[in-house]
PDB file of N, CA and C in Angstrom:
ATOM      1  N   UNK A   1      12.785 -37.727  -6.274  1.00  0.00           N
ATOM      2  CA  UNK A   1      11.865 -38.405  -5.400  1.00  0.00           C
ATOM      3  C   UNK A   1      10.524 -37.684  -5.493  1.00  0.00           C
ATOM      4  N   UNK A   2       9.485 -38.379  -5.702  1.00  0.00           N
ATOM      5  CA  UNK A   2       8.164 -37.770  -5.787  1.00  0.00           C
ATOM      6  C   UNK A   2       7.194 -38.561  -4.931  1.00  0.00           C
ATOM      7  N   UNK A   3       5.994 -38.049  -4.864  1.00  0.00           N
ATOM      8  CA  UNK A   3       4.970 -38.701  -4.053  1.00  0.00           C
ATOM      9  C   UNK A   3       4.751 -37.955  -2.767  1.00  0.00           C
ATOM     10  N   UNK A   4       3.598 -38.198  -2.172  1.00  0.00           N
ATOM     11  CA  UNK A   4       3.243 -37.525  -0.925  1.00  0.00           C
ATOM     12  C   UNK A   4       3.790 -38.295   0.259  1.00  0.00           C
ATOM     13  N   UNK A   5       4.303 -37.566   1.240  1.00  0.00           N
ATOM     14  CA  UNK A   5       4.770 -38.184   2.481  1.00  0.00           C
ATOM     15  C   UNK A   5       4.140 -37.432   3.640  1.00  0.00           C
ATOM     16  N   UNK A   6       4.089 -38.015   4.789  1.00  0.00           N
ATOM     17  CA  UNK A   6       3.585 -37.349   5.979  1.00  0.00           C
ATOM     18  C   UNK A   6       2.100 -37.565   6.187  1.00  0.00           C
ATOM     19  N   UNK A   7       1.594 -37.010   7.305  1.00  0.00           N
ATOM     20  CA  UNK A   7       0.191 -37.201   7.663  1.00  0.00           C
ATOM     21  C   UNK A   7      -0.742 -36.354   6.799  1.00  0.00           C
ATOM     22  N   UNK A   8      -2.011 -36.674   6.869  1.00  0.00           N
ATOM     23  CA  UNK A   8      -3.010 -35.902   6.138  1.00  0.00           C
ATOM     24  C   UNK A   8      -3.343 -36.531   4.806  1.00  0.00           C
ATOM     25  N   UNK A   9      -4.407 -36.051   4.213  1.00  0.00           N
ATOM     26  CA  UNK A   9      -4.831 -36.626   2.935  1.00  0.00           C
ATOM     27  C   UNK A   9      -3.877 -36.262   1.807  1.00  0.00           C
ATOM     28  N   UNK A  10      -3.285 -35.068   1.880  1.00  0.00           N
ATOM     29  CA  UNK A  10      -2.356 -34.647   0.827  1.00  0.00           C
ATOM     30  C   UNK A  10      -0.920 -34.959   1.182  1.00  0.00           C
ATOM     31  N   UNK A  11      -0.573 -34.847   2.451  1.00  0.00           N
ATOM     32  CA  UNK A  11       0.805 -35.048   2.854  1.00  0.00           C
ATOM     33  C   UNK A  11       1.672 -33.918   2.336  1.00  0.00           C
ATOM     34  N   UNK A  12       2.966 -34.156   2.245  1.00  0.00           N
ATOM     35  CA  UNK A  12       3.899 -33.166   1.737  1.00  0.00           C
ATOM     36  C   UNK A  12       4.510 -33.720   0.456  1.00  0.00           C
ATOM     37  N   UNK A  13       4.338 -33.021  -0.626  1.00  0.00           N
ATOM     38  CA  UNK A  13       4.883 -33.444  -1.901  1.00  0.00           C
ATOM     39  C   UNK A  13       6.303 -32.896  -2.033  1.00  0.00           C
ATOM     40  N   UNK A  14       7.282 -33.770  -2.156  1.00  0.00           N
ATOM     41  CA  UNK A  14       8.678 -33.336  -2.213  1.00  0.00           C
ATOM     42  C   UNK A  14       9.002 -32.539  -3.476  1.00  0.00           C
ATOM     43  N   UNK A  15       8.126 -32.578  -4.481  1.00  0.00           N
ATOM     44  CA  UNK A  15       8.359 -31.779  -5.685  1.00  0.00           C
ATOM     45  C   UNK A  15       8.174 -30.295  -5.403  1.00  0.00           C
ATOM     46  N   UNK A  16       7.511 -29.942  -4.290  1.00  0.00           N
ATOM     47  CA  UNK A  16       7.269 -28.554  -3.946  1.00  0.00           C
ATOM     48  C   UNK A  16       8.309 -27.999  -2.980  1.00  0.00           C
ATOM     49  N   UNK A  17       9.257 -28.810  -2.561  1.00  0.00           N
ATOM     50  CA  UNK A  17      10.266 -28.379  -1.601  1.00  0.00           C
ATOM     51  C   UNK A  17      11.472 -27.827  -2.352  1.00  0.00           C
ATOM     52  N   UNK A  18      11.842 -26.594  -2.017  1.00  0.00           N
ATOM     53  CA  UNK A  18      13.007 -25.932  -2.605  1.00  0.00           C
ATOM     54  C   UNK A  18      13.951 -25.538  -1.477  1.00  0.00           C
ATOM     55  N   UNK A  19      15.162 -25.125  -1.822  1.00  0.00           N
ATOM     56  CA  UNK A  19      16.137 -24.637  -0.861  1.00  0.00           C
ATOM     57  C   UNK A  19      16.392 -23.169  -1.147  1.00  0.00           C
ATOM     58  N   UNK A  20      16.261 -22.322  -0.123  1.00  0.00           N
ATOM     59  CA  UNK A  20      16.451 -20.883  -0.266  1.00  0.00           C
ATOM     60  C   UNK A  20      17.888 -20.584  -0.684  1.00  0.00           C
ATOM     61  N   UNK A  21      18.043 -19.734  -1.685  1.00  0.00           N
ATOM     62  CA  UNK A  21      19.361 -19.371  -2.197  1.00  0.00           C
ATOM     63  C   UNK A  21      20.166 -18.602  -1.150  1.00  0.00           C
ATOM     64  N   UNK A  22      19.506 -17.795  -0.342  1.00  0.00           N
ATOM     65  CA  UNK A  22      20.209 -16.955   0.635  1.00  0.00           C
ATOM     66  C   UNK A  22      20.543 -17.696   1.928  1.00  0.00           C
ATOM     67  N   UNK A  23      19.527 -18.298   2.565  1.00  0.00           N
ATOM     68  CA  UNK A  23      19.757 -18.874   3.900  1.00  0.00           C
ATOM     69  C   UNK A  23      19.908 -20.398   3.904  1.00  0.00           C
ATOM     70  N   UNK A  24      19.584 -21.060   2.806  1.00  0.00           N
ATOM     71  CA  UNK A  24      19.721 -22.503   2.728  1.00  0.00           C
ATOM     72  C   UNK A  24      18.582 -23.279   3.372  1.00  0.00           C
ATOM     73  N   UNK A  25      17.548 -22.594   3.852  1.00  0.00           N
ATOM     74  CA  UNK A  25      16.396 -23.234   4.474  1.00  0.00           C
ATOM     75  C   UNK A  25      15.580 -23.982   3.429  1.00  0.00           C
ATOM     76  N   UNK A  26      15.109 -25.169   3.784  1.00  0.00           N
ATOM     77  CA  UNK A  26      14.218 -25.917   2.894  1.00  0.00           C
ATOM     78  C   UNK A  26      12.797 -25.453   3.155  1.00  0.00           C
ATOM     79  N   UNK A  27      12.046 -25.167   2.101  1.00  0.00           N
ATOM     80  CA  UNK A  27      10.699 -24.616   2.246  1.00  0.00           C
ATOM     81  C   UNK A  27       9.815 -25.081   1.108  1.00  0.00           C
ATOM     82  N   UNK A  28       8.500 -24.999   1.341  1.00  0.00           N
ATOM     83  CA  UNK A  28       7.507 -25.300   0.310  1.00  0.00           C
ATOM     84  C   UNK A  28       7.295 -24.010  -0.470  1.00  0.00           C
ATOM     85  N   UNK A  29       7.707 -23.952  -1.712  1.00  0.00           N
ATOM     86  CA  UNK A  29       7.692 -22.710  -2.477  1.00  0.00           C
ATOM     87  C   UNK A  29       6.286 -22.130  -2.626  1.00  0.00           C
ATOM     88  N   UNK A  30       5.249 -22.952  -2.520  1.00  0.00           N
ATOM     89  CA  UNK A  30       3.882 -22.444  -2.644  1.00  0.00           C
ATOM     90  C   UNK A  30       3.486 -21.591  -1.449  1.00  0.00           C
ATOM     91  N   UNK A  31       4.184 -21.742  -0.326  1.00  0.00           N
ATOM     92  CA  UNK A  31       3.874 -20.981   0.884  1.00  0.00           C
ATOM     93  C   UNK A  31       4.892 -19.881   1.158  1.00  0.00           C
ATOM     94  N   UNK A  32       5.776 -19.617   0.238  1.00  0.00           N
ATOM     95  CA  UNK A  32       6.786 -18.583   0.410  1.00  0.00           C
ATOM     96  C   UNK A  32       6.142 -17.203   0.436  1.00  0.00           C
ATOM     97  N   UNK A  33       6.637 -16.320   1.307  1.00  0.00           N
ATOM     98  CA  UNK A  33       6.119 -14.951   1.351  1.00  0.00           C
ATOM     99  C   UNK A  33       6.797 -14.054   0.327  1.00  0.00           C
ATOM    100  N   UNK A  34       7.772 -14.585  -0.399  1.00  0.00           N
ATOM    101  CA  UNK A  34       8.389 -13.825  -1.479  1.00  0.00           C
ATOM    102  C   UNK A  34       7.405 -13.763  -2.635  1.00  0.00           C
ATOM    103  N   UNK A  35       6.890 -12.596  -2.909  1.00  0.00           N
ATOM    104  CA  UNK A  35       5.808 -12.456  -3.891  1.00  0.00           C
ATOM    105  C   UNK A  35       6.255 -12.800  -5.309  1.00  0.00           C
ATOM    106  N   UNK A  36       7.445 -12.409  -5.679  1.00  0.00           N
ATOM    107  CA  UNK A  36       7.872 -12.580  -7.068  1.00  0.00           C
ATOM    108  C   UNK A  36       8.782 -13.784  -7.297  1.00  0.00           C
ATOM    109  N   UNK A  37       9.612 -14.095  -6.336  1.00  0.00           N
ATOM    110  CA  UNK A  37      10.630 -15.127  -6.531  1.00  0.00           C
ATOM    111  C   UNK A  37      10.426 -16.315  -5.603  1.00  0.00           C
ATOM    112  N   UNK A  38       9.225 -16.853  -5.586  1.00  0.00           N
ATOM    113  CA  UNK A  38       8.882 -17.962  -4.688  1.00  0.00           C
ATOM    114  C   UNK A  38       9.767 -19.185  -4.902  1.00  0.00           C
ATOM    115  N   UNK A  39      10.236 -19.393  -6.103  1.00  0.00           N
ATOM    116  CA  UNK A  39      11.042 -20.576  -6.400  1.00  0.00           C
ATOM    117  C   UNK A  39      12.514 -20.374  -6.020  1.00  0.00           C
ATOM    118  N   UNK A  40      12.874 -19.167  -5.530  1.00  0.00           N
ATOM    119  CA  UNK A  40      14.262 -18.860  -5.204  1.00  0.00           C
ATOM    120  C   UNK A  40      14.485 -18.573  -3.728  1.00  0.00           C
ATOM    121  N   UNK A  41      13.562 -17.813  -3.109  1.00  0.00           N
ATOM    122  CA  UNK A  41      13.729 -17.375  -1.721  1.00  0.00           C
ATOM    123  C   UNK A  41      12.584 -17.872  -0.852  1.00  0.00           C
ATOM    124  N   UNK A  42      12.902 -18.187   0.408  1.00  0.00           N
ATOM    125  CA  UNK A  42      11.883 -18.682   1.338  1.00  0.00           C
ATOM    126  C   UNK A  42      10.970 -17.578   1.846  1.00  0.00           C
ATOM    127  N   UNK A  43      11.434 -16.329   1.834  1.00  0.00           N
ATOM    128  CA  UNK A  43      10.627 -15.225   2.342  1.00  0.00           C
ATOM    129  C   UNK A  43      11.025 -13.921   1.664  1.00  0.00           C
ATOM    130  N   UNK A  44      10.201 -12.896   1.877  1.00  0.00           N
ATOM    131  CA  UNK A  44      10.524 -11.591   1.315  1.00  0.00           C
ATOM    132  C   UNK A  44      11.749 -10.993   1.995  1.00  0.00           C
ATOM    133  N   UNK A  45      12.042 -11.404   3.227  1.00  0.00           N
ATOM    134  CA  UNK A  45      13.232 -10.912   3.917  1.00  0.00           C
ATOM    135  C   UNK A  45      14.513 -11.426   3.260  1.00  0.00           C
ATOM    136  N   UNK A  46      14.520 -12.689   2.853  1.00  0.00           N
ATOM    137  CA  UNK A  46      15.687 -13.235   2.158  1.00  0.00           C
ATOM    138  C   UNK A  46      15.831 -12.609   0.777  1.00  0.00           C
ATOM    139  N   UNK A  47      14.702 -12.377   0.112  1.00  0.00           N
ATOM    140  CA  UNK A  47      14.732 -11.736  -1.200  1.00  0.00           C
ATOM    141  C   UNK A  47      15.333 -10.336  -1.085  1.00  0.00           C
ATOM    142  N   UNK A  48      14.852  -9.545  -0.134  1.00  0.00           N
ATOM    143  CA  UNK A  48      15.348  -8.182   0.052  1.00  0.00           C
ATOM    144  C   UNK A  48      16.798  -8.189   0.529  1.00  0.00           C
ATOM    145  N   UNK A  49      17.153  -9.135   1.390  1.00  0.00           N
ATOM    146  CA  UNK A  49      18.515  -9.215   1.902  1.00  0.00           C
ATOM    147  C   UNK A  49      19.519  -9.582   0.831  1.00  0.00           C
ATOM    148  N   UNK A  50      19.133 -10.433  -0.080  1.00  0.00           N
ATOM    149  CA  UNK A  50      20.045 -10.882  -1.131  1.00  0.00           C
ATOM    150  C   UNK A  50      20.151  -9.862  -2.261  1.00  0.00           C
ATOM    151  N   UNK A  51      19.015  -9.294  -2.677  1.00  0.00           N
ATOM    152  CA  UNK A  51      19.007  -8.358  -3.791  1.00  0.00           C
ATOM    153  C   UNK A  51      19.189  -6.907  -3.367  1.00  0.00           C
ATOM    154  N   UNK A  52      18.867  -6.598  -2.116  1.00  0.00           N
ATOM    155  CA  UNK A  52      18.882  -5.222  -1.661  1.00  0.00           C
ATOM    156  C   UNK A  52      17.529  -4.551  -1.835  1.00  0.00           C
ATOM    157  N   UNK A  53      16.605  -5.235  -2.461  1.00  0.00           N
ATOM    158  CA  UNK A  53      15.244  -4.753  -2.679  1.00  0.00           C
ATOM    159  C   UNK A  53      14.391  -5.942  -3.041  1.00  0.00           C
ATOM    160  N   UNK A  54      13.075  -5.767  -3.031  1.00  0.00           N
ATOM    161  CA  UNK A  54      12.197  -6.828  -3.510  1.00  0.00           C
ATOM    162  C   UNK A  54      11.707  -6.451  -4.899  1.00  0.00           C
ATOM    163  N   UNK A  55      11.422  -7.424  -5.722  1.00  0.00           N
ATOM    164  CA  UNK A  55      10.940  -7.137  -7.061  1.00  0.00           C
ATOM    165  C   UNK A  55       9.580  -6.453  -7.020  1.00  0.00           C
ATOM    166  N   UNK A  56       8.755  -6.761  -6.012  1.00  0.00           N
ATOM    167  CA  UNK A  56       7.463  -6.084  -5.873  1.00  0.00           C
ATOM    168  C   UNK A  56       7.673  -4.589  -5.666  1.00  0.00           C
ATOM    169  N   UNK A  57       8.628  -4.213  -4.813  1.00  0.00           N
ATOM    170  CA  UNK A  57       8.909  -2.792  -4.581  1.00  0.00           C
ATOM    171  C   UNK A  57       9.420  -2.137  -5.855  1.00  0.00           C
ATOM    172  N   UNK A  58      10.249  -2.843  -6.594  1.00  0.00           N
ATOM    173  CA  UNK A  58      10.777  -2.307  -7.847  1.00  0.00           C
ATOM    174  C   UNK A  58       9.671  -2.109  -8.878  1.00  0.00           C
ATOM    175  N   UNK A  59       8.749  -3.043  -8.959  1.00  0.00           N
ATOM    176  CA  UNK A  59       7.649  -2.937  -9.918  1.00  0.00           C
ATOM    177  C   UNK A  59       6.698  -1.794  -9.572  1.00  0.00           C
ATOM    178  N   UNK A  60       6.571  -1.476  -8.280  1.00  0.00           N
ATOM    179  CA  UNK A  60       5.663  -0.413  -7.862  1.00  0.00           C
ATOM    180  C   UNK A  60       6.357   0.928  -7.683  1.00  0.00           C
ATOM    181  N   UNK A  61       7.653   0.994  -7.944  1.00  0.00           N
ATOM    182  CA  UNK A  61       8.394   2.246  -7.774  1.00  0.00           C
ATOM    183  C   UNK A  61       7.951   3.262  -8.820  1.00  0.00           C
ATOM    184  N   UNK A  62       7.903   4.514  -8.406  1.00  0.00           N
ATOM    185  CA  UNK A  62       7.536   5.603  -9.312  1.00  0.00           C
ATOM    186  C   UNK A  62       8.805   6.358  -9.696  1.00  0.00           C
ATOM    187  N   UNK A  63       8.928   6.759 -10.959  1.00  0.00           N
ATOM    188  CA  UNK A  63      10.100   7.560 -11.343  1.00  0.00           C
ATOM    189  C   UNK A  63      10.038   8.921 -10.650  1.00  0.00           C
ATOM    190  N   UNK A  64      11.181   9.521 -10.361  1.00  0.00           N
ATOM    191  CA  UNK A  64      11.175  10.816  -9.684  1.00  0.00           C
ATOM    192  C   UNK A  64      10.576  11.898 -10.584  1.00  0.00           C
ATOM    193  N   UNK A  65       9.934  12.875  -9.959  1.00  0.00           N
ATOM    194  CA  UNK A  65       9.360  13.992 -10.704  1.00  0.00           C
ATOM    195  C   UNK A  65      10.486  14.844 -11.278  1.00  0.00           C
ATOM    196  N   UNK A  66      10.200  15.595 -12.334  1.00  0.00           N
ATOM    197  CA  UNK A  66      11.213  16.421 -12.998  1.00  0.00           C
ATOM    198  C   UNK A  66      11.833  17.422 -12.027  1.00  0.00           C
ATOM    199  N   UNK A  67      11.027  17.973 -11.110  1.00  0.00           N
ATOM    200  CA  UNK A  67      11.550  18.939 -10.142  1.00  0.00           C
ATOM    201  C   UNK A  67      12.576  18.294  -9.219  1.00  0.00           C
ATOM    202  N   UNK A  68      12.317  17.035  -8.823  1.00  0.00           N
ATOM    203  CA  UNK A  68      13.237  16.324  -7.938  1.00  0.00           C
ATOM    204  C   UNK A  68      14.559  16.047  -8.636  1.00  0.00           C
ATOM    205  N   UNK A  69      14.507  15.718  -9.921  1.00  0.00           N
ATOM    206  CA  UNK A  69      15.725  15.433 -10.677  1.00  0.00           C
ATOM    207  C   UNK A  69      16.557  16.697 -10.810  1.00  0.00           C
ATOM    208  N   UNK A  70      15.917  17.815 -11.137  1.00  0.00           N
ATOM    209  CA  UNK A  70      16.631  19.083 -11.295  1.00  0.00           C
ATOM    210  C   UNK A  70      17.238  19.534  -9.970  1.00  0.00           C
ATOM    211  N   UNK A  71      16.530  19.332  -8.878  1.00  0.00           N
ATOM    212  CA  UNK A  71      17.024  19.741  -7.568  1.00  0.00           C
ATOM    213  C   UNK A  71      18.211  18.901  -7.121  1.00  0.00           C
ATOM    214  N   UNK A  72      18.281  17.654  -7.539  1.00  0.00           N
ATOM    215  CA  UNK A  72      19.351  16.771  -7.099  1.00  0.00           C
ATOM    216  C   UNK A  72      20.606  16.889  -7.950  1.00  0.00           C
ATOM    217  N   UNK A  73      20.515  17.511  -9.125  1.00  0.00           N
ATOM    218  CA  UNK A  73      21.691  17.664  -9.988  1.00  0.00           C
ATOM    219  C   UNK A  73      22.552  18.795  -9.457  1.00  0.00           C
ATOM    220  N   UNK A  74      23.880  18.568  -9.369  1.00  0.00           N
ATOM    221  CA  UNK A  74      24.758  19.640  -8.884  1.00  0.00           C
ATOM    222  C   UNK A  74      24.863  20.746  -9.931  1.00  0.00           C
ATOM    223  N   UNK A  75      24.946  21.969  -9.443  1.00  0.00           N
ATOM    224  CA  UNK A  75      25.095  23.087 -10.356  1.00  0.00           C
ATOM    225  C   UNK A  75      26.541  23.176 -10.790  1.00  0.00           C
ATOM    226  N   UNK A  76      26.762  23.418 -12.060  1.00  0.00           N
ATOM    227  CA  UNK A  76      28.123  23.540 -12.584  1.00  0.00           C
ATOM    228  C   UNK A  76      28.437  25.022 -12.743  1.00  0.00           C
ATOM    229  N   UNK A  77      29.638  25.391 -12.384  1.00  0.00           N
ATOM    230  CA  UNK A  77      30.064  26.797 -12.498  1.00  0.00           C
ATOM    231  C   UNK A  77      30.442  27.092 -13.946  1.00  0.00           C
ATOM    232  N   UNK A  78      30.085  28.266 -14.402  1.00  0.00           N
ATOM    233  CA  UNK A  78      30.431  28.687 -15.780  1.00  0.00           C
ATOM    234  C   UNK A  78      31.916  29.045 -15.821  1.00  0.00           C
ATOM    235  N   UNK A  79      32.555  28.657 -16.869  1.00  0.00           N
ATOM    236  CA  UNK A  79      33.988  28.905 -17.003  1.00  0.00           C
ATOM    237  C   UNK A  79      34.237  30.198 -17.721  1.00  0.00           C
TER     238      UNK A  79
END
């Protein structure tokens, strides 16, 4: 089904309506607060809830410094 429906000069185009994979809510993907997965999730909360993280956070994550990696490794006893 295509075409504009509803009030206003533009109305609501049904081609822009998606269903959230996590909560099942119908939403206009152009207005989704999910920065990376607008066509999948209605909001960044659903994205984080389903994946455990947001792709934006993953893209901006910094690798741990060498000192942090060495400190987190358990020491092994010499045999």
